[in-house]
Amino acid sequence: MVGLMAGLFLCIQAGQGIGENAAFALFLSSINVDYLPYMYMGLGGVVFVASIAFSASLSRFQNAIVVKWLLAGS
């Protein structure tokens, strides 16, 4: 169980590391740099909501399969 969760976290972090630079470059090439602060404000809100939902699911659902599917779905 721990190995599976660690593998899922590794996949998420690897995808973030690979995709973040490409997405940032595409964003800056197509949109003016003046919109960059608004993007970071929106990103902060999305990360906040996702973190709260994930931490609430850890305490609410006692079934480990539900938590694995939530993490895999993210």
PDB file of N, CA and C in Angstrom:
ATOM      1  N   MET A   1       0.824  -1.192   0.000  1.00  0.00           N
ATOM      2  CA  MET A   1       0.000   0.000   0.000  1.00  0.00           C
ATOM      3  C   MET A   1       0.865   1.252   0.000  1.00  0.00           C
ATOM      4  N   VAL A   2       1.878   1.264   0.845  1.00  0.00           N
ATOM      5  CA  VAL A   2       2.762   2.428   0.914  1.00  0.00           C
ATOM      6  C   VAL A   2       3.529   2.592  -0.391  1.00  0.00           C
ATOM      7  N   GLY A   3       3.975   1.469  -0.953  1.00  0.00           N
ATOM      8  CA  GLY A   3       4.703   1.525  -2.224  1.00  0.00           C
ATOM      9  C   GLY A   3       3.825   2.043  -3.356  1.00  0.00           C
ATOM     10  N   LEU A   4       2.564   1.624  -3.381  1.00  0.00           N
ATOM     11  CA  LEU A   4       1.644   2.098  -4.414  1.00  0.00           C
ATOM     12  C   LEU A   4       1.389   3.597  -4.282  1.00  0.00           C
ATOM     13  N   MET A   5       1.154   4.055  -3.063  1.00  0.00           N
ATOM     14  CA  MET A   5       0.928   5.492  -2.856  1.00  0.00           C
ATOM     15  C   MET A   5       2.182   6.298  -3.208  1.00  0.00           C
ATOM     16  N   ALA A   6       3.353   5.778  -2.846  1.00  0.00           N
ATOM     17  CA  ALA A   6       4.594   6.478  -3.184  1.00  0.00           C
ATOM     18  C   ALA A   6       4.779   6.528  -4.696  1.00  0.00           C
ATOM     19  N   GLY A   7       4.428   5.443  -5.382  1.00  0.00           N
ATOM     20  CA  GLY A   7       4.519   5.430  -6.839  1.00  0.00           C
ATOM     21  C   GLY A   7       3.559   6.419  -7.484  1.00  0.00           C
ATOM     22  N   LEU A   8       2.345   6.523  -6.940  1.00  0.00           N
ATOM     23  CA  LEU A   8       1.385   7.493  -7.471  1.00  0.00           C
ATOM     24  C   LEU A   8       1.869   8.927  -7.258  1.00  0.00           C
ATOM     25  N   PHE A   9       2.404   9.224  -6.071  1.00  0.00           N
ATOM     26  CA  PHE A   9       2.954  10.553  -5.823  1.00  0.00           C
ATOM     27  C   PHE A   9       4.135  10.831  -6.749  1.00  0.00           C
ATOM     28  N   LEU A  10       4.963   9.812  -7.008  1.00  0.00           N
ATOM     29  CA  LEU A  10       6.102   9.983  -7.903  1.00  0.00           C
ATOM     30  C   LEU A  10       5.634  10.308  -9.316  1.00  0.00           C
ATOM     31  N   CYS A  11       4.605   9.620  -9.786  1.00  0.00           N
ATOM     32  CA  CYS A  11       4.075   9.901 -11.123  1.00  0.00           C
ATOM     33  C   CYS A  11       3.504  11.308 -11.220  1.00  0.00           C
ATOM     34  N   ILE A  12       2.795  11.734 -10.190  1.00  0.00           N
ATOM     35  CA  ILE A  12       2.220  13.081 -10.199  1.00  0.00           C
ATOM     36  C   ILE A  12       3.330  14.132 -10.216  1.00  0.00           C
ATOM     37  N   GLN A  13       4.341  13.957  -9.396  1.00  0.00           N
ATOM     38  CA  GLN A  13       5.435  14.925  -9.343  1.00  0.00           C
ATOM     39  C   GLN A  13       6.254  14.918 -10.633  1.00  0.00           C
ATOM     40  N   ALA A  14       6.457  13.748 -11.228  1.00  0.00           N
ATOM     41  CA  ALA A  14       7.185  13.675 -12.497  1.00  0.00           C
ATOM     42  C   ALA A  14       6.397  14.371 -13.603  1.00  0.00           C
ATOM     43  N   GLY A  15       5.100  14.152 -13.643  1.00  0.00           N
ATOM     44  CA  GLY A  15       4.267  14.838 -14.631  1.00  0.00           C
ATOM     45  C   GLY A  15       4.273  16.336 -14.441  1.00  0.00           C
ATOM     46  N   GLN A  16       4.266  16.770 -13.199  1.00  0.00           N
ATOM     47  CA  GLN A  16       4.325  18.196 -12.923  1.00  0.00           C
ATOM     48  C   GLN A  16       5.660  18.775 -13.358  1.00  0.00           C
ATOM     49  N   GLY A  17       6.740  18.086 -13.060  1.00  0.00           N
ATOM     50  CA  GLY A  17       8.061  18.581 -13.425  1.00  0.00           C
ATOM     51  C   GLY A  17       8.264  18.664 -14.922  1.00  0.00           C
ATOM     52  N   ILE A  18       7.735  17.691 -15.658  1.00  0.00           N
ATOM     53  CA  ILE A  18       7.884  17.686 -17.108  1.00  0.00           C
ATOM     54  C   ILE A  18       6.939  18.692 -17.756  1.00  0.00           C
ATOM     55  N   GLY A  19       5.697  18.697 -17.316  1.00  0.00           N
ATOM     56  CA  GLY A  19       4.695  19.522 -17.976  1.00  0.00           C
ATOM     57  C   GLY A  19       4.685  20.976 -17.570  1.00  0.00           C
ATOM     58  N   GLU A  20       5.212  21.294 -16.408  1.00  0.00           N
ATOM     59  CA  GLU A  20       5.133  22.668 -15.917  1.00  0.00           C
ATOM     60  C   GLU A  20       5.925  23.640 -16.790  1.00  0.00           C
ATOM     61  N   ASN A  21       7.112  23.256 -17.174  1.00  0.00           N
ATOM     62  CA  ASN A  21       7.929  24.147 -17.992  1.00  0.00           C
ATOM     63  C   ASN A  21       7.326  24.362 -19.368  1.00  0.00           C
ATOM     64  N   ALA A  22       6.798  23.310 -19.965  1.00  0.00           N
ATOM     65  CA  ALA A  22       6.179  23.439 -21.282  1.00  0.00           C
ATOM     66  C   ALA A  22       4.923  24.294 -21.213  1.00  0.00           C
ATOM     67  N   ALA A  23       4.104  24.074 -20.209  1.00  0.00           N
ATOM     68  CA  ALA A  23       2.876  24.859 -20.071  1.00  0.00           C
ATOM     69  C   ALA A  23       3.183  26.328 -19.809  1.00  0.00           C
ATOM     70  N   PHE A  24       4.201  26.578 -19.003  1.00  0.00           N
ATOM     71  CA  PHE A  24       4.576  27.967 -18.708  1.00  0.00           C
ATOM     72  C   PHE A  24       5.101  28.659 -19.963  1.00  0.00           C
ATOM     73  N   ALA A  25       5.910  27.965 -20.753  1.00  0.00           N
ATOM     74  CA  ALA A  25       6.427  28.553 -21.987  1.00  0.00           C
ATOM     75  C   ALA A  25       5.306  28.823 -22.985  1.00  0.00           C
ATOM     76  N   LEU A  26       4.365  27.902 -23.108  1.00  0.00           N
ATOM     77  CA  LEU A  26       3.230  28.122 -24.008  1.00  0.00           C
ATOM     78  C   LEU A  26       2.358  29.273 -23.533  1.00  0.00           C
ATOM     79  N   PHE A  27       2.177  29.386 -22.245  1.00  0.00           N
ATOM     80  CA  PHE A  27       1.375  30.478 -21.704  1.00  0.00           C
ATOM     81  C   PHE A  27       2.023  31.824 -22.005  1.00  0.00           C
ATOM     82  N   LEU A  28       3.318  31.927 -21.774  1.00  0.00           N
ATOM     83  CA  LEU A  28       4.000  33.197 -22.005  1.00  0.00           C
ATOM     84  C   LEU A  28       4.131  33.522 -23.484  1.00  0.00           C
ATOM     85  N   SER A  29       4.165  32.518 -24.350  1.00  0.00           N
ATOM     86  CA  SER A  29       4.275  32.792 -25.779  1.00  0.00           C
ATOM     87  C   SER A  29       2.956  33.243 -26.384  1.00  0.00           C
ATOM     88  N   SER A  30       1.843  32.853 -25.769  1.00  0.00           N
ATOM     89  CA  SER A  30       0.554  33.198 -26.361  1.00  0.00           C
ATOM     90  C   SER A  30      -0.161  34.347 -25.653  1.00  0.00           C
ATOM     91  N   ILE A  31       0.182  34.623 -24.409  1.00  0.00           N
ATOM     92  CA  ILE A  31      -0.515  35.647 -23.633  1.00  0.00           C
ATOM     93  C   ILE A  31       0.516  36.640 -23.101  1.00  0.00           C
ATOM     94  N   ASN A  32       0.105  37.849 -22.983  1.00  0.00           N
ATOM     95  CA  ASN A  32       0.975  38.905 -22.488  1.00  0.00           C
ATOM     96  C   ASN A  32       1.418  38.623 -21.053  1.00  0.00           C
ATOM     97  N   VAL A  33       2.606  39.053 -20.718  1.00  0.00           N
ATOM     98  CA  VAL A  33       3.165  38.824 -19.388  1.00  0.00           C
ATOM     99  C   VAL A  33       2.366  39.569 -18.312  1.00  0.00           C
ATOM    100  N   ASP A  34       1.584  40.540 -18.692  1.00  0.00           N
ATOM    101  CA  ASP A  34       0.782  41.287 -17.722  1.00  0.00           C
ATOM    102  C   ASP A  34      -0.257  40.410 -17.013  1.00  0.00           C
ATOM    103  N   TYR A  35      -0.635  39.285 -17.625  1.00  0.00           N
ATOM    104  CA  TYR A  35      -1.635  38.397 -17.030  1.00  0.00           C
ATOM    105  C   TYR A  35      -1.024  37.374 -16.072  1.00  0.00           C
ATOM    106  N   LEU A  36       0.278  37.393 -15.921  1.00  0.00           N
ATOM    107  CA  LEU A  36       0.961  36.408 -15.082  1.00  0.00           C
ATOM    108  C   LEU A  36       0.515  36.450 -13.612  1.00  0.00           C
ATOM    109  N   PRO A  37       0.352  37.608 -12.983  1.00  0.00           N
ATOM    110  CA  PRO A  37      -0.125  37.604 -11.583  1.00  0.00           C
ATOM    111  C   PRO A  37      -1.516  36.998 -11.425  1.00  0.00           C
ATOM    112  N   TYR A  38      -2.392  37.213 -12.414  1.00  0.00           N
ATOM    113  CA  TYR A  38      -3.736  36.648 -12.336  1.00  0.00           C
ATOM    114  C   TYR A  38      -3.695  35.124 -12.457  1.00  0.00           C
ATOM    115  N   MET A  39      -2.759  34.623 -13.269  1.00  0.00           N
ATOM    116  CA  MET A  39      -2.612  33.180 -13.388  1.00  0.00           C
ATOM    117  C   MET A  39      -2.180  32.579 -12.052  1.00  0.00           C
ATOM    118  N   TYR A  40      -1.240  33.219 -11.383  1.00  0.00           N
ATOM    119  CA  TYR A  40      -0.766  32.692 -10.107  1.00  0.00           C
ATOM    120  C   TYR A  40      -1.831  32.793  -9.018  1.00  0.00           C
ATOM    121  N   MET A  41      -2.670  33.819  -9.071  1.00  0.00           N
ATOM    122  CA  MET A  41      -3.765  33.897  -8.097  1.00  0.00           C
ATOM    123  C   MET A  41      -4.762  32.770  -8.320  1.00  0.00           C
ATOM    124  N   GLY A  42      -5.104  32.512  -9.577  1.00  0.00           N
ATOM    125  CA  GLY A  42      -6.010  31.409  -9.886  1.00  0.00           C
ATOM    126  C   GLY A  42      -5.408  30.060  -9.532  1.00  0.00           C
ATOM    127  N   LEU A  43      -4.126  29.906  -9.798  1.00  0.00           N
ATOM    128  CA  LEU A  43      -3.441  28.662  -9.477  1.00  0.00           C
ATOM    129  C   LEU A  43      -3.422  28.419  -7.973  1.00  0.00           C
ATOM    130  N   GLY A  44      -3.224  29.461  -7.199  1.00  0.00           N
ATOM    131  CA  GLY A  44      -3.249  29.332  -5.743  1.00  0.00           C
ATOM    132  C   GLY A  44      -4.605  28.868  -5.243  1.00  0.00           C
ATOM    133  N   GLY A  45      -5.666  29.408  -5.823  1.00  0.00           N
ATOM    134  CA  GLY A  45      -7.011  28.989  -5.436  1.00  0.00           C
ATOM    135  C   GLY A  45      -7.291  27.535  -5.779  1.00  0.00           C
ATOM    136  N   VAL A  46      -6.857  27.111  -6.958  1.00  0.00           N
ATOM    137  CA  VAL A  46      -7.077  25.724  -7.374  1.00  0.00           C
ATOM    138  C   VAL A  46      -6.290  24.764  -6.490  1.00  0.00           C
ATOM    139  N   VAL A  47      -5.045  25.099  -6.196  1.00  0.00           N
ATOM    140  CA  VAL A  47      -4.224  24.240  -5.339  1.00  0.00           C
ATOM    141  C   VAL A  47      -4.792  24.188  -3.923  1.00  0.00           C
ATOM    142  N   PHE A  48      -5.304  25.298  -3.432  1.00  0.00           N
ATOM    143  CA  PHE A  48      -5.912  25.328  -2.100  1.00  0.00           C
ATOM    144  C   PHE A  48      -7.116  24.404  -2.034  1.00  0.00           C
ATOM    145  N   VAL A  49      -8.007  24.503  -3.013  1.00  0.00           N
ATOM    146  CA  VAL A  49      -9.211  23.674  -3.024  1.00  0.00           C
ATOM    147  C   VAL A  49      -8.840  22.195  -3.162  1.00  0.00           C
ATOM    148  N   ALA A  50      -7.880  21.881  -4.032  1.00  0.00           N
ATOM    149  CA  ALA A  50      -7.468  20.486  -4.214  1.00  0.00           C
ATOM    150  C   ALA A  50      -6.831  19.929  -2.947  1.00  0.00           C
ATOM    151  N   SER A  51      -6.032  20.736  -2.268  1.00  0.00           N
ATOM    152  CA  SER A  51      -5.391  20.273  -1.031  1.00  0.00           C
ATOM    153  C   SER A  51      -6.410  20.039   0.074  1.00  0.00           C
ATOM    154  N   ILE A  52      -7.369  20.927   0.199  1.00  0.00           N
ATOM    155  CA  ILE A  52      -8.411  20.763   1.216  1.00  0.00           C
ATOM    156  C   ILE A  52      -9.256  19.529   0.908  1.00  0.00           C
ATOM    157  N   ALA A  53      -9.601  19.328  -0.362  1.00  0.00           N
ATOM    158  CA  ALA A  53     -10.413  18.163  -0.727  1.00  0.00           C
ATOM    159  C   ALA A  53      -9.659  16.872  -0.469  1.00  0.00           C
ATOM    160  N   PHE A  54      -8.374  16.840  -0.792  1.00  0.00           N
ATOM    161  CA  PHE A  54      -7.602  15.624  -0.580  1.00  0.00           C
ATOM    162  C   PHE A  54      -7.415  15.335   0.906  1.00  0.00           C
ATOM    163  N   SER A  55      -7.110  16.354   1.695  1.00  0.00           N
ATOM    164  CA  SER A  55      -6.930  16.120   3.130  1.00  0.00           C
ATOM    165  C   SER A  55      -8.250  15.746   3.804  1.00  0.00           C
ATOM    166  N   ALA A  56      -9.361  16.307   3.337  1.00  0.00           N
ATOM    167  CA  ALA A  56     -10.660  15.920   3.884  1.00  0.00           C
ATOM    168  C   ALA A  56     -10.997  14.482   3.518  1.00  0.00           C
ATOM    169  N   SER A  57     -10.607  14.069   2.311  1.00  0.00           N
ATOM    170  CA  SER A  57     -10.891  12.689   1.914  1.00  0.00           C
ATOM    171  C   SER A  57     -10.053  11.702   2.718  1.00  0.00           C
ATOM    172  N   LEU A  58      -8.858  12.096   3.123  1.00  0.00           N
ATOM    173  CA  LEU A  58      -8.034  11.198   3.928  1.00  0.00           C
ATOM    174  C   LEU A  58      -8.661  10.934   5.294  1.00  0.00           C
ATOM    175  N   SER A  59      -9.272  11.946   5.874  1.00  0.00           N
ATOM    176  CA  SER A  59      -9.860  11.752   7.195  1.00  0.00           C
ATOM    177  C   SER A  59     -11.281  11.204   7.127  1.00  0.00           C
ATOM    178  N   ARG A  60     -11.978  11.457   6.026  1.00  0.00           N
ATOM    179  CA  ARG A  60     -13.383  11.052   5.948  1.00  0.00           C
ATOM    180  C   ARG A  60     -13.549   9.598   5.515  1.00  0.00           C
ATOM    181  N   PHE A  61     -12.801   9.194   4.488  1.00  0.00           N
ATOM    182  CA  PHE A  61     -12.958   7.846   3.958  1.00  0.00           C
ATOM    183  C   PHE A  61     -11.969   6.920   4.638  1.00  0.00           C
ATOM    184  N   GLN A  62     -12.473   5.896   5.272  1.00  0.00           N
ATOM    185  CA  GLN A  62     -11.611   4.925   5.932  1.00  0.00           C
ATOM    186  C   GLN A  62     -11.175   3.828   4.965  1.00  0.00           C
ATOM    187  N   ASN A  63     -11.831   3.754   3.816  1.00  0.00           N
ATOM    188  CA  ASN A  63     -11.499   2.751   2.825  1.00  0.00           C
ATOM    189  C   ASN A  63     -10.304   3.244   1.999  1.00  0.00           C
ATOM    190  N   ALA A  64      -9.226   2.503   1.990  1.00  0.00           N
ATOM    191  CA  ALA A  64      -8.008   2.942   1.311  1.00  0.00           C
ATOM    192  C   ALA A  64      -8.175   2.978  -0.199  1.00  0.00           C
ATOM    193  N   ILE A  65      -9.081   2.198  -0.750  1.00  0.00           N
ATOM    194  CA  ILE A  65      -9.273   2.171  -2.196  1.00  0.00           C
ATOM    195  C   ILE A  65      -9.803   3.519  -2.686  1.00  0.00           C
ATOM    196  N   VAL A  66     -10.671   4.149  -1.923  1.00  0.00           N
ATOM    197  CA  VAL A  66     -11.218   5.456  -2.305  1.00  0.00           C
ATOM    198  C   VAL A  66     -10.099   6.494  -2.378  1.00  0.00           C
ATOM    199  N   VAL A  67      -9.203   6.479  -1.424  1.00  0.00           N
ATOM    200  CA  VAL A  67      -8.100   7.448  -1.400  1.00  0.00           C
ATOM    201  C   VAL A  67      -7.165   7.200  -2.581  1.00  0.00           C
ATOM    202  N   LYS A  68      -6.900   5.924  -2.903  1.00  0.00           N
ATOM    203  CA  LYS A  68      -6.054   5.613  -4.060  1.00  0.00           C
ATOM    204  C   LYS A  68      -6.677   6.121  -5.351  1.00  0.00           C
ATOM    205  N   TRP A  69      -7.975   5.945  -5.500  1.00  0.00           N
ATOM    206  CA  TRP A  69      -8.642   6.403  -6.727  1.00  0.00           C
ATOM    207  C   TRP A  69      -8.676   7.937  -6.801  1.00  0.00           C
ATOM    208  N   LEU A  70      -8.844   8.603  -5.675  1.00  0.00           N
ATOM    209  CA  LEU A  70      -8.795  10.071  -5.681  1.00  0.00           C
ATOM    210  C   LEU A  70      -7.429  10.576  -6.086  1.00  0.00           C
ATOM    211  N   LEU A  71      -6.386   9.951  -5.565  1.00  0.00           N
ATOM    212  CA  LEU A  71      -5.029  10.361  -5.898  1.00  0.00           C
ATOM    213  C   LEU A  71      -4.720  10.042  -7.354  1.00  0.00           C
ATOM    214  N   ALA A  72      -5.117   8.875  -7.828  1.00  0.00           N
ATOM    215  CA  ALA A  72      -4.881   8.512  -9.233  1.00  0.00           C
ATOM    216  C   ALA A  72      -5.670   9.421 -10.164  1.00  0.00           C
ATOM    217  N   GLY A  73      -6.851   9.830  -9.749  1.00  0.00           N
ATOM    218  CA  GLY A  73      -7.653  10.729 -10.572  1.00  0.00           C
ATOM    219  C   GLY A  73      -7.094  12.131 -10.667  1.00  0.00           C
ATOM    220  N   SER A  74      -6.328  12.523  -9.664  1.00  0.00           N
ATOM    221  CA  SER A  74      -5.754  13.863  -9.716  1.00  0.00           C
ATOM    222  C   SER A  74      -4.590  13.898 -10.678  1.00  0.00           C
TER     223      SER A  74
END
